[in-house]
Amino acid sequence: MIMNVGVVGATGHTGEELIGVLLNHPNVRITRLYNSGAENQVISDVFPKFKNRIELVCKKADIKEISRDCDIIFLALPHTVSMAIAPKILKAGRKVIDLSADYRLKDAVVYEKFYKVKHTDKQNLKTAVYGLPEIYRAVIKTAKLVANPGCYPTCAILSLAPLVAFDLVELDSIIIDAKSGVSGAGKKLLKDFLFSEVDEDFRAYKINEHQHIPEINQLLSRLAAQKINVTFVPHLLPLDRGILETIYIKKIKNPKFKNQKVIELYRKFYKKEPFVRIRKENEFPRIKDVAGTNFCDIGIKEESGSIIIVAAIDNLLKGAAGQAVQNMNIMCNFPEYLGLL
């Protein structure tokens, strides 16, 4: 079965990655591409690497056209923009995978606090499914609207899920030291992201007030069945892409796992997951190990009273476009790895 697919926001970093992955997908036909609507652009003029591969014109999104020509639409738009267009596409009977934050946070008040705008689509917010396949695969299968996770939260939640779900750590002791390449900020023309500002430098930003904190807390709290508030400190790396997170947690005693190493728990938890790789004991991933892939690599150091986790993903793939296609595969009942391996 061939699915007709469209991308809104095709000229951004994530849109570029989506097109690249979808062109290699055997069960997908890219039928429509859209931009912010400023002007019509041939996609191969925007990204010459797609020359002779795809020559569609990128233009302002047209709902009638989408409903006629697309089965699934990816919204690779800036935060606060998707909620204006997603309801129209859903009303037209098409499925939506949104890569912004507009449908990730179930509490609209929290969304409005961190994104500084009023949420205008609370109806669809209620039914949106959080698109982390390793945790929510069963409900993603039947979803009409999938909220693709943020890049930092993807790495953090996959790193912590087994420990939190089985009550193996002190939940108020979680410290996430996260580092990301500059592409995580999108194509915004801001001084902080200019090459001259980033090159040969390394800095922390939005210390314990980043917009991904409530997303991490929301998902970990669901897994723990109690409220969790993590300490989260992001850093900007002088790199194009990639995320590395080092996570520190205090252990607690749980009789169920008295004689089991934490690394063995992780191997069992993720045994059937095609895109989570647990490293050998005391072996830890680098960004280079996952760049250009949809994998999340996790290494674990178990101490007498604490656990240290090091995890790495490509922020544009497992942290965005790759995971979005993984979700599409689940929704369409395709093998999960199609287009991604």
Protein backbone atom coordinates (compact mmCIF):
# COMPACT_ATOMS: atom_id res chain seq x y z
CA MET A 1 0.00 0.00 0.00
CA ILE A 2 1.30 3.45 -0.96
CA MET A 3 0.52 6.40 1.30
CA ASN A 4 0.25 9.90 -0.13
CA VAL A 5 2.10 12.23 2.20
CA GLY A 6 2.47 15.99 2.54
CA VAL A 7 4.78 18.21 4.58
CA VAL A 8 3.88 21.67 5.85
CA GLY A 9 7.01 23.57 6.79
CA ALA A 10 9.14 21.75 4.23
CA THR A 11 11.88 24.38 4.01
CA GLY A 12 13.07 24.16 7.63
CA HIS A 13 15.69 21.84 9.12
CA THR A 14 13.07 19.27 10.11
CA GLY A 15 11.25 19.57 6.80
CA GLU A 16 14.48 18.89 4.95
CA GLU A 17 15.12 15.78 7.05
CA LEU A 18 11.55 14.58 6.55
CA ILE A 19 11.82 14.85 2.78
CA GLY A 20 15.10 12.94 2.80
CA VAL A 21 13.68 10.09 4.88
CA LEU A 22 10.39 9.93 2.97
CA LEU A 23 12.14 9.78 -0.41
CA ASN A 24 13.79 6.56 0.74
CA HIS A 25 10.53 5.06 2.04
CA PRO A 26 9.20 2.29 -0.26
CA ASN A 27 5.56 2.81 0.75
CA VAL A 28 5.37 6.59 0.50
CA ARG A 29 4.66 9.09 -2.26
CA ILE A 30 5.32 12.74 -1.41
CA THR A 31 2.42 14.51 -3.08
CA ARG A 32 2.46 18.01 -1.57
CA LEU A 33 5.00 20.34 0.06
CA TYR A 34 4.17 23.64 1.73
CA ASN A 35 6.10 26.55 3.22
CA SER A 36 5.16 29.58 5.28
CA GLY A 37 3.43 31.06 2.25
CA ALA A 38 5.85 33.92 1.64
CA GLU A 39 6.54 32.80 -1.93
CA ASN A 40 6.40 29.73 -4.14
CA GLN A 41 9.68 27.77 -4.13
CA VAL A 42 10.75 24.67 -6.04
CA ILE A 43 12.04 22.40 -3.30
CA SER A 44 15.14 21.38 -5.26
CA ASP A 45 16.07 25.07 -5.52
CA VAL A 46 15.84 25.36 -1.74
CA PHE A 47 17.76 22.10 -1.21
CA PRO A 48 19.82 21.31 -4.34
CA LYS A 49 20.61 17.83 -3.02
CA PHE A 50 17.06 16.87 -4.01
CA LYS A 51 17.65 17.79 -7.69
CA ASN A 52 16.21 15.11 -10.01
CA ARG A 53 14.68 13.40 -6.97
CA ILE A 54 11.77 15.69 -6.19
CA GLU A 55 10.76 18.88 -7.99
CA LEU A 56 7.53 19.81 -6.22
CA VAL A 57 6.68 23.45 -5.71
CA CYS A 58 6.50 24.58 -2.10
CA LYS A 59 3.68 27.05 -1.48
CA LYS A 60 1.19 28.22 1.11
CA ALA A 61 -0.82 25.37 2.65
CA ASP A 62 -4.14 24.69 0.93
CA ILE A 63 -6.57 22.61 3.02
CA LYS A 64 -8.69 21.53 0.04
CA GLU A 65 -5.56 20.38 -1.75
CA ILE A 66 -4.31 18.53 1.33
CA SER A 67 -7.62 16.73 1.83
CA ARG A 68 -7.65 15.71 -1.83
CA ASP A 69 -4.02 14.69 -2.31
CA CYS A 70 -2.68 13.57 1.10
CA ASP A 71 -3.49 10.68 3.43
CA ILE A 72 -1.13 11.89 6.16
CA ILE A 73 0.32 15.35 6.68
CA PHE A 74 3.42 16.23 8.70
CA LEU A 75 3.43 19.66 10.34
CA ALA A 76 7.07 20.74 10.64
CA LEU A 77 6.13 24.22 11.82
CA PRO A 78 7.35 26.51 14.60
CA HIS A 79 5.71 26.15 18.01
CA THR A 80 2.34 27.96 18.32
CA VAL A 81 1.63 27.74 14.56
CA SER A 82 0.36 24.16 14.15
CA MET A 83 -2.74 24.61 16.29
CA ALA A 84 -4.15 27.00 13.68
CA ILE A 85 -3.90 24.50 10.80
CA ALA A 86 -4.17 21.05 12.42
CA PRO A 87 -7.93 21.33 13.23
CA LYS A 88 -8.74 22.09 9.58
CA ILE A 89 -6.78 19.08 8.33
CA LEU A 90 -8.33 16.80 10.93
CA LYS A 91 -11.80 18.07 10.04
CA ALA A 92 -11.05 17.14 6.42
CA GLY A 93 -10.52 13.56 7.58
CA ARG A 94 -6.74 13.40 7.23
CA LYS A 95 -4.24 12.21 9.83
CA VAL A 96 -1.74 14.65 11.30
CA ILE A 97 1.72 14.19 12.81
CA ASP A 98 2.69 17.46 14.45
CA LEU A 99 6.38 18.05 15.16
CA SER A 100 5.83 21.22 17.20
CA ALA A 101 4.96 21.44 20.89
CA ASP A 102 1.35 22.48 20.28
CA TYR A 103 -0.22 19.13 21.24
CA ARG A 104 2.36 17.64 23.60
CA LEU A 105 1.30 19.23 26.88
CA LYS A 106 -2.12 18.15 28.11
CA ASP A 107 -2.48 21.11 30.46
CA ALA A 108 -3.21 24.17 28.34
CA VAL A 109 -2.30 26.46 31.25
CA VAL A 110 1.20 24.96 31.38
CA TYR A 111 1.51 25.30 27.60
CA GLU A 112 0.51 28.95 27.79
CA LYS A 113 3.04 29.59 30.58
CA PHE A 114 6.01 28.19 28.62
CA TYR A 115 5.04 29.20 25.07
CA LYS A 116 3.55 32.60 25.92
CA VAL A 117 0.40 32.25 23.79
CA LYS A 118 -3.14 31.06 24.40
CA HIS A 119 -3.88 27.53 23.17
CA THR A 120 -6.61 27.76 20.54
CA ASP A 121 -7.39 24.06 19.95
CA LYS A 122 -8.12 22.52 23.32
CA GLN A 123 -10.55 20.03 21.78
CA ASN A 124 -7.88 18.25 19.74
CA LEU A 125 -5.37 18.69 22.54
CA LYS A 126 -7.48 16.29 24.60
CA THR A 127 -7.32 13.48 22.03
CA ALA A 128 -3.77 13.98 20.71
CA VAL A 129 -1.48 10.99 21.32
CA TYR A 130 2.08 11.54 22.51
CA GLY A 131 4.25 9.96 19.81
CA LEU A 132 6.96 8.13 21.73
CA PRO A 133 6.69 4.66 20.11
CA GLU A 134 8.58 2.79 22.82
CA ILE A 135 5.94 3.81 25.38
CA TYR A 136 2.76 4.57 23.43
CA ARG A 137 2.89 2.28 20.39
CA ALA A 138 -0.55 0.74 21.06
CA VAL A 139 -2.42 4.08 21.01
CA ILE A 140 -0.33 5.55 18.21
CA LYS A 141 -1.68 2.79 15.94
CA THR A 142 -5.20 4.21 16.00
CA ALA A 143 -4.37 7.91 16.46
CA LYS A 144 -5.66 10.67 14.19
CA LEU A 145 -3.35 13.29 15.69
CA VAL A 146 0.14 12.44 16.97
CA ALA A 147 2.19 14.94 18.96
CA ASN A 148 5.75 14.11 18.02
CA PRO A 149 8.00 14.46 21.10
CA GLY A 150 10.65 17.10 21.59
CA CYS A 151 14.29 16.15 21.09
CA TYR A 152 15.49 16.66 24.67
CA PRO A 153 12.44 14.82 26.12
CA THR A 154 12.88 11.86 23.73
CA CYS A 155 16.40 11.28 24.99
CA ALA A 156 15.54 11.91 28.64
CA ILE A 157 12.37 9.80 28.80
CA LEU A 158 13.92 6.80 27.04
CA SER A 159 16.88 7.07 29.42
CA LEU A 160 14.71 7.12 32.54
CA ALA A 161 11.59 5.11 31.70
CA PRO A 162 12.69 1.69 33.10
CA LEU A 163 13.91 3.18 36.39
CA VAL A 164 10.84 5.36 36.90
CA ALA A 165 8.32 2.71 35.85
CA PHE A 166 9.73 0.15 38.29
CA ASP A 167 10.27 2.58 41.18
CA LEU A 168 14.03 2.08 41.36
CA VAL A 169 15.15 5.65 42.00
CA GLU A 170 14.43 8.62 44.22
CA LEU A 171 12.14 10.60 41.95
CA ASP A 172 13.14 13.96 43.42
CA SER A 173 16.83 13.33 42.71
CA ILE A 174 16.79 13.32 38.88
CA ILE A 175 19.33 15.71 37.32
CA ILE A 176 19.52 15.94 33.52
CA ASP A 177 22.63 17.57 32.07
CA ALA A 178 21.76 17.96 28.38
CA LYS A 179 23.74 19.22 25.39
CA SER A 180 22.46 19.92 21.88
CA GLY A 181 23.73 21.03 18.50
CA VAL A 182 22.56 24.36 17.10
CA SER A 183 20.04 22.89 14.64
CA GLY A 184 17.78 22.20 17.62
CA ALA A 185 16.88 25.90 17.58
CA GLY A 186 15.62 25.77 13.99
CA LYS A 187 16.44 28.43 11.39
CA LYS A 188 15.72 31.47 13.54
CA LEU A 189 18.02 34.39 12.72
CA LEU A 190 19.06 35.17 16.28
CA LYS A 191 22.43 36.49 17.43
CA ASP A 192 22.98 33.60 19.90
CA PHE A 193 22.92 31.05 17.06
CA LEU A 194 25.23 32.82 14.61
CA PHE A 195 28.37 30.87 13.70
CA SER A 196 30.61 33.55 15.22
CA GLU A 197 28.73 33.27 18.53
CA VAL A 198 28.62 29.48 18.72
CA ASP A 199 31.99 28.46 17.30
CA GLU A 200 34.72 27.76 19.89
CA ASP A 201 32.21 28.23 22.73
CA PHE A 202 30.01 26.16 25.04
CA ARG A 203 27.30 27.48 27.31
CA ALA A 204 24.29 26.62 29.42
CA TYR A 205 20.97 28.35 28.71
CA LYS A 206 17.40 28.44 30.10
CA ILE A 207 18.68 26.80 33.28
CA ASN A 208 15.82 24.80 34.79
CA GLU A 209 13.26 26.86 32.87
CA HIS A 210 13.44 25.33 29.38
CA GLN A 211 10.12 24.67 27.62
CA HIS A 212 10.89 20.95 27.46
CA ILE A 213 10.85 20.59 31.26
CA PRO A 214 7.04 20.26 31.57
CA GLU A 215 7.05 17.71 28.74
CA ILE A 216 9.63 15.56 30.54
CA ASN A 217 7.81 15.94 33.86
CA GLN A 218 4.44 15.08 32.30
CA LEU A 219 5.61 11.81 30.78
CA LEU A 220 7.75 10.66 33.70
CA SER A 221 4.90 11.46 36.11
CA ARG A 222 2.57 9.23 34.06
CA LEU A 223 5.08 6.38 34.21
CA ALA A 224 5.62 6.80 37.96
CA ALA A 225 1.93 7.40 38.76
CA GLN A 226 3.05 10.36 40.87
CA LYS A 227 4.26 13.89 40.26
CA ILE A 228 7.89 14.30 39.20
CA ASN A 229 9.89 17.50 38.82
CA VAL A 230 13.32 17.01 37.28
CA THR A 231 16.28 19.37 37.33
CA PHE A 232 17.09 20.11 33.70
CA VAL A 233 20.05 22.12 32.42
CA PRO A 234 20.48 22.36 28.62
CA HIS A 235 23.71 23.46 26.94
CA LEU A 236 24.47 24.65 23.42
CA LEU A 237 27.22 22.75 21.62
CA PRO A 238 29.23 24.25 18.74
CA LEU A 239 27.88 21.46 16.51
CA ASP A 240 25.31 21.23 13.73
CA ARG A 241 23.33 18.29 15.15
CA GLY A 242 23.15 15.75 17.94
CA ILE A 243 22.15 15.51 21.60
CA LEU A 244 24.07 13.99 24.50
CA GLU A 245 22.47 13.77 27.94
CA THR A 246 24.14 12.73 31.18
CA ILE A 247 21.58 11.91 33.86
CA TYR A 248 22.26 11.47 37.59
CA ILE A 249 19.84 9.69 39.93
CA LYS A 250 19.92 8.26 43.45
CA LYS A 251 18.88 4.62 43.74
CA ILE A 252 16.34 3.21 46.16
CA LYS A 253 16.02 -0.36 47.34
CA ASN A 254 13.37 -2.42 45.60
CA PRO A 255 13.18 -6.09 46.68
CA LYS A 256 11.87 -7.14 43.25
CA PHE A 257 15.22 -6.23 41.68
CA LYS A 258 17.53 -7.07 44.55
CA ASN A 259 19.84 -9.31 42.53
CA GLN A 260 19.37 -7.77 39.09
CA LYS A 261 21.75 -5.28 37.53
CA VAL A 262 20.15 -2.13 36.21
CA ILE A 263 21.65 -2.72 32.76
CA GLU A 264 19.85 -6.09 32.55
CA LEU A 265 16.55 -4.38 33.36
CA TYR A 266 17.15 -1.96 30.47
CA ARG A 267 17.96 -4.79 28.08
CA LYS A 268 14.69 -6.54 28.94
CA PHE A 269 12.66 -3.32 28.84
CA TYR A 270 13.90 -2.42 25.35
CA LYS A 271 14.45 -5.93 24.03
CA LYS A 272 11.98 -5.58 21.15
CA GLU A 273 12.63 -1.92 20.37
CA PRO A 274 14.27 -1.46 16.96
CA PHE A 275 15.71 1.97 17.70
CA VAL A 276 16.99 1.75 21.28
CA ARG A 277 20.46 0.29 21.75
CA ILE A 278 21.75 -0.48 25.22
CA ARG A 279 25.53 -0.39 25.40
CA LYS A 280 27.72 -2.91 27.17
CA GLU A 281 28.37 -2.30 30.85
CA ASN A 282 30.52 0.82 31.39
CA GLU A 283 30.44 1.63 27.66
CA PHE A 284 28.96 4.98 26.74
CA PRO A 285 27.73 6.55 23.47
CA ARG A 286 29.03 9.59 21.61
CA ILE A 287 27.07 11.88 19.34
CA LYS A 288 28.99 10.51 16.34
CA ASP A 289 27.56 7.05 17.10
CA VAL A 290 23.98 8.18 16.37
CA ALA A 291 24.34 11.16 14.00
CA GLY A 292 22.37 10.52 10.83
CA THR A 293 20.36 7.69 12.41
CA ASN A 294 17.08 7.13 14.24
CA PHE A 295 18.76 5.34 17.15
CA CYS A 296 18.88 6.25 20.82
CA ASP A 297 22.03 4.79 22.40
CA ILE A 298 22.11 4.41 26.18
CA GLY A 299 25.04 3.62 28.49
CA ILE A 300 24.68 2.95 32.22
CA LYS A 301 27.05 3.31 35.19
CA GLU A 302 25.71 1.71 38.36
CA GLU A 303 27.21 2.90 41.66
CA SER A 304 26.37 1.71 45.18
CA GLY A 305 23.91 4.53 45.83
CA SER A 306 23.37 6.11 42.43
CA ILE A 307 23.01 5.56 38.69
CA ILE A 308 24.58 7.59 35.90
CA ILE A 309 23.08 7.34 32.41
CA VAL A 310 24.62 8.69 29.23
CA ALA A 311 22.35 8.76 26.17
CA ALA A 312 22.70 10.14 22.66
CA ILE A 313 20.34 10.83 19.75
CA ASP A 314 20.33 12.81 16.52
CA ASN A 315 18.03 15.72 17.38
CA LEU A 316 16.80 16.02 13.77
CA LEU A 317 16.00 12.30 13.36
CA LYS A 318 15.09 10.37 16.53
CA GLY A 319 14.46 13.80 18.05
CA ALA A 320 12.20 14.96 15.19
CA ALA A 321 11.82 13.73 11.58
CA GLY A 322 12.94 10.12 12.04
CA GLN A 323 10.63 9.59 14.98
CA ALA A 324 7.78 11.21 13.03
CA VAL A 325 8.25 8.67 10.22
CA GLN A 326 8.49 5.90 12.82
CA ASN A 327 5.10 7.07 14.09
CA MET A 328 3.70 7.15 10.55
CA ASN A 329 4.85 3.55 10.04
CA ILE A 330 2.98 2.50 13.18
CA MET A 331 -0.18 4.40 12.16
CA CYS A 332 -0.09 2.79 8.70
CA ASN A 333 0.74 -0.69 9.98
CA PHE A 334 4.05 -0.69 8.10
CA PRO A 335 7.20 -2.32 9.50
CA GLU A 336 8.52 0.26 11.95
CA TYR A 337 11.96 0.48 10.40
CA LEU A 338 10.82 1.32 6.83
CA GLY A 339 12.71 4.33 5.49
CA LEU A 340 14.82 4.52 8.64
CA LEU A 341 17.42 1.77 8.26
